[in-house]
Amino acid sequence: MTAETVPRALSLVVIAALISSGGCSLFGKLAPPPPILQEDFSLLRPEDFPAKIKQLETTSQQDPNTSVRARALFYLALAHMHYNNPAPDYVQAVQYLDKHIAAESVRKDVDEKVAWKSVVQALDSSLKEREKLAMSYAQLKQQYDRSNKNSDALTKLVEKQKKEIESLKQTIKELDAVQQEIEKKRKAIKK
């Protein structure tokens, strides 16, 4: 062996030993994700969501593995917008999606996640617009009801005045009849 081949052979032996013995962490198995990141949220009861969100927040902040923390952010977004969640928070979901996209080192599926974010933002805007329309409808209904009450009151007042007018007309007819009688009697006295 030459002086050049000894270092090459030695480095090949060291690399082979590391790979074969599992001594190199680059080639070791990745640990499975924590159970919290493997759950099916559709199986959760609505009352379990607040506790699940707290657990995910803790995982997203404290897990030593950055990819687990990033994945927890995605699951937080899902939990906040899930249909079983009794108090969905779409603004929070969008914020967690933003954080997840920024923290995710693997850029695969980023277009899909950005699309999710756009859909959630549109949903949140639509729900807010619906709330505004519902409030506006309630105010208009109150005004309509008040105007109907006022209209009813005016209708009753008009009916009452019509009755009074009819009563006054009758009184005038009676007074006219009395006056005609008085005139007849006065003419009869003058003769």
C-alpha atoms as a PDB file:
ATOM      1  CA  MET A   1       0.000   0.000   0.000  1.00  0.00           C
ATOM      2  CA  THR A   2       1.106   3.442  -0.790  1.00  0.00           C
ATOM      3  CA  ALA A   3       0.960   6.383   1.529  1.00  0.00           C
ATOM      4  CA  GLU A   4      -1.970   7.752  -0.447  1.00  0.00           C
ATOM      5  CA  THR A   5      -4.146   4.656  -0.293  1.00  0.00           C
ATOM      6  CA  VAL A   6      -3.819   4.139   3.466  1.00  0.00           C
ATOM      7  CA  PRO A   7      -5.833   7.261   4.428  1.00  0.00           C
ATOM      8  CA  ARG A   8      -8.454   6.412   1.792  1.00  0.00           C
ATOM      9  CA  ALA A   9      -8.788   2.844   2.979  1.00  0.00           C
ATOM     10  CA  LEU A  10      -8.898   3.930   6.601  1.00  0.00           C
ATOM     11  CA  SER A  11     -11.655   6.500   5.900  1.00  0.00           C
ATOM     12  CA  LEU A  12     -13.671   3.887   3.963  1.00  0.00           C
ATOM     13  CA  VAL A  13     -13.369   1.468   6.887  1.00  0.00           C
ATOM     14  CA  VAL A  14     -14.498   4.144   9.374  1.00  0.00           C
ATOM     15  CA  ILE A  15     -17.491   5.097   7.191  1.00  0.00           C
ATOM     16  CA  ALA A  16     -18.458   1.447   6.726  1.00  0.00           C
ATOM     17  CA  ALA A  17     -18.220   0.844  10.476  1.00  0.00           C
ATOM     18  CA  LEU A  18     -20.397   3.836  11.250  1.00  0.00           C
ATOM     19  CA  ILE A  19     -23.049   2.852   8.721  1.00  0.00           C
ATOM     20  CA  SER A  20     -23.129  -0.821   9.600  1.00  0.00           C
ATOM     21  CA  SER A  21     -23.178  -0.344  13.345  1.00  0.00           C
ATOM     22  CA  GLY A  22     -25.773   2.401  13.317  1.00  0.00           C
ATOM     23  CA  GLY A  23     -23.230   4.718  14.860  1.00  0.00           C
ATOM     24  CA  CYS A  24     -24.073   7.489  12.456  1.00  0.00           C
ATOM     25  CA  SER A  25     -27.206   9.350  13.504  1.00  0.00           C
ATOM     26  CA  LEU A  26     -27.754  10.545   9.947  1.00  0.00           C
ATOM     27  CA  PHE A  27     -28.650   7.044   8.888  1.00  0.00           C
ATOM     28  CA  GLY A  28     -30.538   6.014  11.988  1.00  0.00           C
ATOM     29  CA  LYS A  29     -34.300   5.643  12.057  1.00  0.00           C
ATOM     30  CA  LEU A  30     -36.295   8.751  12.736  1.00  0.00           C
ATOM     31  CA  ALA A  31     -38.363   8.599  15.871  1.00  0.00           C
ATOM     32  CA  PRO A  32     -42.100   8.274  15.220  1.00  0.00           C
ATOM     33  CA  PRO A  33     -44.086  11.466  15.759  1.00  0.00           C
ATOM     34  CA  PRO A  34     -45.667  11.886  19.181  1.00  0.00           C
ATOM     35  CA  PRO A  35     -49.137  10.336  19.574  1.00  0.00           C
ATOM     36  CA  ILE A  36     -50.729  13.795  19.700  1.00  0.00           C
ATOM     37  CA  LEU A  37     -49.645  14.305  16.077  1.00  0.00           C
ATOM     38  CA  GLN A  38     -51.214  11.037  14.979  1.00  0.00           C
ATOM     39  CA  GLU A  39     -54.751  11.644  16.277  1.00  0.00           C
ATOM     40  CA  ASP A  40     -57.852  11.819  14.132  1.00  0.00           C
ATOM     41  CA  PHE A  41     -59.659  14.991  15.230  1.00  0.00           C
ATOM     42  CA  SER A  42     -62.964  13.722  13.860  1.00  0.00           C
ATOM     43  CA  LEU A  43     -62.961  11.186  16.707  1.00  0.00           C
ATOM     44  CA  LEU A  44     -62.585  13.901  19.363  1.00  0.00           C
ATOM     45  CA  ARG A  45     -65.612  15.044  21.309  1.00  0.00           C
ATOM     46  CA  PRO A  46     -66.286  18.777  21.086  1.00  0.00           C
ATOM     47  CA  GLU A  47     -65.496  19.272  24.769  1.00  0.00           C
ATOM     48  CA  ASP A  48     -62.023  17.712  24.264  1.00  0.00           C
ATOM     49  CA  PHE A  49     -60.805  20.407  21.866  1.00  0.00           C
ATOM     50  CA  PRO A  50     -59.638  23.013  24.427  1.00  0.00           C
ATOM     51  CA  ALA A  51     -57.413  20.456  26.197  1.00  0.00           C
ATOM     52  CA  LYS A  52     -56.108  19.123  22.873  1.00  0.00           C
ATOM     53  CA  ILE A  53     -55.240  22.649  21.754  1.00  0.00           C
ATOM     54  CA  LYS A  54     -53.337  23.245  25.009  1.00  0.00           C
ATOM     55  CA  GLN A  55     -51.369  20.012  24.482  1.00  0.00           C
ATOM     56  CA  LEU A  56     -50.530  20.999  20.915  1.00  0.00           C
ATOM     57  CA  GLU A  57     -49.438  24.471  22.026  1.00  0.00           C
ATOM     58  CA  THR A  58     -47.109  22.897  24.569  1.00  0.00           C
ATOM     59  CA  THR A  59     -45.700  20.525  21.946  1.00  0.00           C
ATOM     60  CA  SER A  60     -45.245  23.364  19.443  1.00  0.00           C
ATOM     61  CA  GLN A  61     -43.246  25.368  21.975  1.00  0.00           C
ATOM     62  CA  GLN A  62     -41.332  22.774  23.982  1.00  0.00           C
ATOM     63  CA  ASP A  63     -40.623  19.696  21.872  1.00  0.00           C
ATOM     64  CA  PRO A  64     -36.864  19.370  21.269  1.00  0.00           C
ATOM     65  CA  ASN A  65     -37.421  18.262  17.653  1.00  0.00           C
ATOM     66  CA  THR A  66     -38.001  21.229  15.309  1.00  0.00           C
ATOM     67  CA  SER A  67     -39.957  19.163  12.782  1.00  0.00           C
ATOM     68  CA  VAL A  68     -42.309  17.994  15.566  1.00  0.00           C
ATOM     69  CA  ARG A  69     -42.775  21.614  16.668  1.00  0.00           C
ATOM     70  CA  ALA A  70     -43.541  22.640  13.072  1.00  0.00           C
ATOM     71  CA  ARG A  71     -45.990  19.750  12.634  1.00  0.00           C
ATOM     72  CA  ALA A  72     -47.683  20.679  15.930  1.00  0.00           C
ATOM     73  CA  LEU A  73     -48.307  24.162  14.495  1.00  0.00           C
ATOM     74  CA  PHE A  74     -50.108  22.576  11.545  1.00  0.00           C
ATOM     75  CA  TYR A  75     -52.206  20.431  13.892  1.00  0.00           C
ATOM     76  CA  LEU A  76     -53.016  23.535  15.939  1.00  0.00           C
ATOM     77  CA  ALA A  77     -54.356  25.182  12.785  1.00  0.00           C
ATOM     78  CA  LEU A  78     -56.444  22.084  12.062  1.00  0.00           C
ATOM     79  CA  ALA A  79     -57.774  21.981  15.625  1.00  0.00           C
ATOM     80  CA  HIS A  80     -58.800  25.643  15.505  1.00  0.00           C
ATOM     81  CA  MET A  81     -60.763  25.200  12.278  1.00  0.00           C
ATOM     82  CA  HIS A  82     -62.095  21.661  12.783  1.00  0.00           C
ATOM     83  CA  TYR A  83     -65.831  21.141  12.325  1.00  0.00           C
ATOM     84  CA  ASN A  84     -66.113  19.350  15.694  1.00  0.00           C
ATOM     85  CA  ASN A  85     -64.525  22.269  17.535  1.00  0.00           C
ATOM     86  CA  PRO A  86     -67.399  24.028  19.340  1.00  0.00           C
ATOM     87  CA  ALA A  87     -65.565  27.371  19.227  1.00  0.00           C
ATOM     88  CA  PRO A  88     -63.582  27.495  15.976  1.00  0.00           C
ATOM     89  CA  ASP A  89     -61.136  30.385  15.672  1.00  0.00           C
ATOM     90  CA  TYR A  90     -60.281  30.892  12.022  1.00  0.00           C
ATOM     91  CA  VAL A  91     -58.002  33.867  12.684  1.00  0.00           C
ATOM     92  CA  GLN A  92     -55.909  31.666  15.009  1.00  0.00           C
ATOM     93  CA  ALA A  93     -55.942  28.882  12.421  1.00  0.00           C
ATOM     94  CA  VAL A  94     -54.518  31.247   9.796  1.00  0.00           C
ATOM     95  CA  GLN A  95     -51.838  32.450  12.224  1.00  0.00           C
ATOM     96  CA  TYR A  96     -50.793  28.876  13.009  1.00  0.00           C
ATOM     97  CA  LEU A  97     -50.732  28.005   9.305  1.00  0.00           C
ATOM     98  CA  ASP A  98     -48.436  30.997   8.724  1.00  0.00           C
ATOM     99  CA  LYS A  99     -46.149  29.881  11.558  1.00  0.00           C
ATOM    100  CA  HIS A 100     -46.166  26.301  10.262  1.00  0.00           C
ATOM    101  CA  ILE A 101     -45.284  27.360   6.716  1.00  0.00           C
ATOM    102  CA  ALA A 102     -42.440  29.527   8.045  1.00  0.00           C
ATOM    103  CA  ALA A 103     -41.142  26.798  10.382  1.00  0.00           C
ATOM    104  CA  GLU A 104     -41.472  23.850   7.998  1.00  0.00           C
ATOM    105  CA  SER A 105     -38.052  22.934   6.651  1.00  0.00           C
ATOM    106  CA  VAL A 106     -39.473  20.535   4.084  1.00  0.00           C
ATOM    107  CA  ARG A 107     -41.212  22.735   1.522  1.00  0.00           C
ATOM    108  CA  LYS A 108     -43.353  19.946   0.118  1.00  0.00           C
ATOM    109  CA  ASP A 109     -47.086  20.613   0.124  1.00  0.00           C
ATOM    110  CA  VAL A 110     -46.462  24.329   0.734  1.00  0.00           C
ATOM    111  CA  ASP A 111     -48.824  25.265  -2.113  1.00  0.00           C
ATOM    112  CA  GLU A 112     -51.562  23.144  -0.581  1.00  0.00           C
ATOM    113  CA  LYS A 113     -51.013  24.760   2.825  1.00  0.00           C
ATOM    114  CA  VAL A 114     -51.111  28.250   1.324  1.00  0.00           C
ATOM    115  CA  ALA A 115     -54.366  27.280  -0.404  1.00  0.00           C
ATOM    116  CA  TRP A 116     -55.747  26.073   2.949  1.00  0.00           C
ATOM    117  CA  LYS A 117     -54.769  29.397   4.449  1.00  0.00           C
ATOM    118  CA  SER A 118     -56.590  31.302   1.677  1.00  0.00           C
ATOM    119  CA  VAL A 119     -59.711  29.196   2.106  1.00  0.00           C
ATOM    120  CA  VAL A 120     -59.721  29.662   5.881  1.00  0.00           C
ATOM    121  CA  GLN A 121     -59.264  33.426   5.474  1.00  0.00           C
ATOM    122  CA  ALA A 122     -62.147  33.548   2.985  1.00  0.00           C
ATOM    123  CA  LEU A 123     -64.305  31.480   5.345  1.00  0.00           C
ATOM    124  CA  ASP A 124     -63.484  33.782   8.249  1.00  0.00           C
ATOM    125  CA  SER A 125     -64.319  36.860   6.151  1.00  0.00           C
ATOM    126  CA  SER A 126     -67.593  35.299   5.020  1.00  0.00           C
ATOM    127  CA  LEU A 127     -68.583  34.425   8.584  1.00  0.00           C
ATOM    128  CA  LYS A 128     -67.797  37.954   9.773  1.00  0.00           C
ATOM    129  CA  GLU A 129     -69.815  39.400   6.881  1.00  0.00           C
ATOM    130  CA  ARG A 130     -72.694  37.058   7.767  1.00  0.00           C
ATOM    131  CA  GLU A 131     -72.586  38.287  11.383  1.00  0.00           C
ATOM    132  CA  LYS A 132     -72.712  41.904  10.184  1.00  0.00           C
ATOM    133  CA  LEU A 133     -75.641  41.124   7.901  1.00  0.00           C
ATOM    134  CA  ALA A 134     -77.457  39.309  10.719  1.00  0.00           C
ATOM    135  CA  MET A 135     -77.003  42.338  12.998  1.00  0.00           C
ATOM    136  CA  SER A 136     -78.149  44.683  10.242  1.00  0.00           C
ATOM    137  CA  TYR A 137     -81.187  42.468   9.614  1.00  0.00           C
ATOM    138  CA  ALA A 138     -82.058  42.511  13.322  1.00  0.00           C
ATOM    139  CA  GLN A 139     -81.853  46.321  13.396  1.00  0.00           C
ATOM    140  CA  LEU A 140     -83.995  46.631  10.268  1.00  0.00           C
ATOM    141  CA  LYS A 141     -86.543  44.211  11.719  1.00  0.00           C
ATOM    142  CA  GLN A 142     -86.744  46.294  14.910  1.00  0.00           C
ATOM    143  CA  GLN A 143     -87.296  49.440  12.856  1.00  0.00           C
ATOM    144  CA  TYR A 144     -89.935  47.661  10.780  1.00  0.00           C
ATOM    145  CA  ASP A 145     -91.698  46.389  13.910  1.00  0.00           C
ATOM    146  CA  ARG A 146     -91.637  49.892  15.417  1.00  0.00           C
ATOM    147  CA  SER A 147     -93.020  51.397  12.221  1.00  0.00           C
ATOM    148  CA  ASN A 148     -95.733  48.715  12.172  1.00  0.00           C
ATOM    149  CA  LYS A 149     -96.641  49.564  15.761  1.00  0.00           C
ATOM    150  CA  ASN A 150     -96.719  53.246  14.818  1.00  0.00           C
ATOM    151  CA  SER A 151     -98.786  52.382  11.764  1.00  0.00           C
ATOM    152  CA  ASP A 152    -101.180  50.352  13.906  1.00  0.00           C
ATOM    153  CA  ALA A 153    -101.455  53.240  16.353  1.00  0.00           C
ATOM    154  CA  LEU A 154    -102.112  55.662  13.501  1.00  0.00           C
ATOM    155  CA  THR A 155    -104.707  53.320  12.016  1.00  0.00           C
ATOM    156  CA  LYS A 156    -106.474  53.098  15.378  1.00  0.00           C
ATOM    157  CA  LEU A 157    -106.326  56.888  15.752  1.00  0.00           C
ATOM    158  CA  VAL A 158    -107.784  57.378  12.254  1.00  0.00           C
ATOM    159  CA  GLU A 159    -110.568  54.887  13.020  1.00  0.00           C
ATOM    160  CA  LYS A 160    -111.313  56.677  16.296  1.00  0.00           C
ATOM    161  CA  GLN A 161    -111.406  60.049  14.529  1.00  0.00           C
ATOM    162  CA  LYS A 162    -113.685  58.620  11.806  1.00  0.00           C
ATOM    163  CA  LYS A 163    -116.074  57.442  14.525  1.00  0.00           C
ATOM    164  CA  GLU A 164    -115.922  60.864  16.190  1.00  0.00           C
ATOM    165  CA  ILE A 165    -116.597  62.556  12.829  1.00  0.00           C
ATOM    166  CA  GLU A 166    -119.585  60.273  12.238  1.00  0.00           C
ATOM    167  CA  SER A 167    -120.792  61.039  15.745  1.00  0.00           C
ATOM    168  CA  LEU A 168    -120.373  64.782  15.111  1.00  0.00           C
ATOM    169  CA  LYS A 169    -122.221  64.486  11.776  1.00  0.00           C
ATOM    170  CA  GLN A 170    -125.073  62.758  13.605  1.00  0.00           C
ATOM    171  CA  THR A 171    -125.055  65.478  16.261  1.00  0.00           C
ATOM    172  CA  ILE A 172    -125.086  68.164  13.536  1.00  0.00           C
ATOM    173  CA  LYS A 173    -128.054  66.438  11.828  1.00  0.00           C
ATOM    174  CA  GLU A 174    -129.903  66.341  15.143  1.00  0.00           C
ATOM    175  CA  LEU A 175    -129.053  69.990  15.818  1.00  0.00           C
ATOM    176  CA  ASP A 176    -130.214  70.896  12.297  1.00  0.00           C
ATOM    177  CA  ALA A 177    -133.467  69.024  12.931  1.00  0.00           C
ATOM    178  CA  VAL A 178    -133.912  70.859  16.264  1.00  0.00           C
ATOM    179  CA  GLN A 179    -133.114  74.194  14.607  1.00  0.00           C
ATOM    180  CA  GLN A 180    -135.656  73.502  11.857  1.00  0.00           C
ATOM    181  CA  GLU A 181    -138.252  72.708  14.535  1.00  0.00           C
ATOM    182  CA  ILE A 182    -137.434  75.928  16.351  1.00  0.00           C
ATOM    183  CA  GLU A 183    -137.750  77.878  13.083  1.00  0.00           C
ATOM    184  CA  LYS A 184    -141.141  76.254  12.376  1.00  0.00           C
ATOM    185  CA  LYS A 185    -142.356  77.121  15.870  1.00  0.00           C
ATOM    186  CA  ARG A 186    -141.077  80.678  15.633  1.00  0.00           C
ATOM    187  CA  LYS A 187    -142.794  81.161  12.267  1.00  0.00           C
ATOM    188  CA  ALA A 188    -145.949  79.673  13.743  1.00  0.00           C
ATOM    189  CA  ILE A 189    -145.780  82.145  16.682  1.00  0.00           C
ATOM    190  CA  LYS A 190    -145.249  85.161  14.401  1.00  0.00           C
ATOM    191  CA  LYS A 191    -148.387  84.414  12.421  1.00  0.00           C
END
